[in-house]
Amino acid sequence: MKAMFIGFAAIAVIGVGAHFALEESGYTVWQRTSGDSVRLD
């Protein structure tokens, strides 16, 4: 049971950390996958 809770906590920490790391990189998925001819709103 203890290992399961540690796993859940690790998933939450990795998820939150990834969110902030990707947000700080300055690129969104739409900006990375679209060309110059695509207008983003």
N, C-alpha and C. Protein backbone atom coordinates (compact mmCIF):
# COMPACT_ATOMS: atom_id res chain seq x y z
N MET A 1 0.83 -1.19 0.00
CA MET A 1 0.00 0.00 0.00
C MET A 1 0.87 1.25 0.00
N LYS A 2 1.96 1.21 0.75
CA LYS A 2 2.85 2.35 0.84
C LYS A 2 3.48 2.64 -0.52
N ALA A 3 3.86 1.58 -1.24
CA ALA A 3 4.47 1.75 -2.56
C ALA A 3 3.48 2.39 -3.54
N MET A 4 2.22 2.03 -3.43
CA MET A 4 1.20 2.61 -4.31
C MET A 4 1.05 4.11 -4.06
N PHE A 5 1.04 4.53 -2.81
CA PHE A 5 0.93 5.95 -2.50
C PHE A 5 2.17 6.72 -2.96
N ILE A 6 3.33 6.12 -2.83
CA ILE A 6 4.55 6.76 -3.32
C ILE A 6 4.50 6.90 -4.83
N GLY A 7 3.97 5.88 -5.52
CA GLY A 7 3.81 5.94 -6.97
C GLY A 7 2.85 7.04 -7.39
N PHE A 8 1.73 7.16 -6.72
CA PHE A 8 0.77 8.22 -7.02
C PHE A 8 1.39 9.60 -6.81
N ALA A 9 2.13 9.74 -5.72
CA ALA A 9 2.78 11.02 -5.44
C ALA A 9 3.82 11.34 -6.51
N ALA A 10 4.57 10.33 -6.95
CA ALA A 10 5.57 10.55 -7.98
C ALA A 10 4.93 10.96 -9.30
N ILE A 11 3.82 10.34 -9.66
CA ILE A 11 3.10 10.72 -10.88
C ILE A 11 2.63 12.16 -10.80
N ALA A 12 2.10 12.56 -9.65
CA ALA A 12 1.63 13.94 -9.49
C ALA A 12 2.78 14.93 -9.59
N VAL A 13 3.90 14.62 -8.95
CA VAL A 13 5.05 15.53 -8.99
C VAL A 13 5.60 15.64 -10.42
N ILE A 14 5.72 14.52 -11.11
CA ILE A 14 6.21 14.53 -12.49
C ILE A 14 5.26 15.30 -13.40
N GLY A 15 3.96 15.10 -13.22
CA GLY A 15 2.98 15.79 -14.05
C GLY A 15 3.01 17.30 -13.84
N VAL A 16 3.04 17.73 -12.60
CA VAL A 16 3.08 19.17 -12.31
C VAL A 16 4.40 19.78 -12.78
N GLY A 17 5.49 19.06 -12.54
CA GLY A 17 6.79 19.55 -12.99
C GLY A 17 6.88 19.67 -14.49
N ALA A 18 6.35 18.69 -15.21
CA ALA A 18 6.35 18.74 -16.67
C ALA A 18 5.50 19.89 -17.18
N HIS A 19 4.38 20.12 -16.54
CA HIS A 19 3.51 21.23 -16.95
C HIS A 19 4.24 22.56 -16.86
N PHE A 20 4.87 22.81 -15.73
CA PHE A 20 5.57 24.09 -15.56
C PHE A 20 6.81 24.18 -16.44
N ALA A 21 7.52 23.09 -16.63
CA ALA A 21 8.71 23.10 -17.49
C ALA A 21 8.33 23.40 -18.93
N LEU A 22 7.27 22.79 -19.42
CA LEU A 22 6.86 23.04 -20.80
C LEU A 22 6.28 24.45 -20.96
N GLU A 23 5.59 24.91 -19.94
CA GLU A 23 5.04 26.27 -20.00
C GLU A 23 6.16 27.31 -20.01
N GLU A 24 7.22 27.08 -19.26
CA GLU A 24 8.35 28.01 -19.20
C GLU A 24 9.20 27.99 -20.47
N SER A 25 9.11 26.91 -21.25
CA SER A 25 9.91 26.83 -22.47
C SER A 25 9.41 27.82 -23.52
N GLY A 26 8.17 28.29 -23.38
CA GLY A 26 7.67 29.33 -24.26
C GLY A 26 6.99 28.83 -25.52
N TYR A 27 6.89 27.54 -25.69
CA TYR A 27 6.26 27.01 -26.88
C TYR A 27 5.02 26.22 -26.51
N THR A 28 3.97 26.41 -27.29
CA THR A 28 2.78 25.59 -27.14
C THR A 28 2.79 24.54 -28.24
N VAL A 29 1.95 23.56 -28.10
CA VAL A 29 1.87 22.52 -29.13
C VAL A 29 1.48 23.13 -30.46
N TRP A 30 0.58 24.09 -30.43
CA TRP A 30 0.10 24.70 -31.67
C TRP A 30 1.23 25.47 -32.36
N GLN A 31 2.06 26.14 -31.62
CA GLN A 31 3.16 26.90 -32.21
C GLN A 31 4.23 25.98 -32.78
N ARG A 32 4.46 24.84 -32.16
CA ARG A 32 5.50 23.92 -32.63
C ARG A 32 5.07 23.16 -33.87
N THR A 33 3.78 22.83 -34.01
CA THR A 33 3.34 21.96 -35.09
C THR A 33 2.72 22.70 -36.27
N SER A 34 2.56 24.01 -36.18
CA SER A 34 1.96 24.75 -37.29
C SER A 34 3.03 25.55 -38.02
N GLY A 35 2.76 25.80 -39.30
CA GLY A 35 3.70 26.59 -40.10
C GLY A 35 3.43 28.07 -40.02
N ASP A 36 4.16 28.85 -40.80
CA ASP A 36 3.98 30.30 -40.78
C ASP A 36 2.67 30.73 -41.43
N SER A 37 2.11 29.90 -42.30
CA SER A 37 0.91 30.28 -43.02
C SER A 37 -0.37 30.03 -42.22
N VAL A 38 -0.24 29.53 -41.00
CA VAL A 38 -1.40 29.23 -40.16
C VAL A 38 -1.60 30.36 -39.16
N ARG A 39 -2.82 30.90 -39.13
CA ARG A 39 -3.12 31.97 -38.18
C ARG A 39 -3.63 31.35 -36.88
N LEU A 40 -2.99 31.68 -35.78
CA LEU A 40 -3.41 31.21 -34.48
C LEU A 40 -4.15 32.30 -33.76
N ASP A 41 -5.30 31.98 -33.18
CA ASP A 41 -6.10 32.99 -32.47
C ASP A 41 -5.74 33.05 -31.03
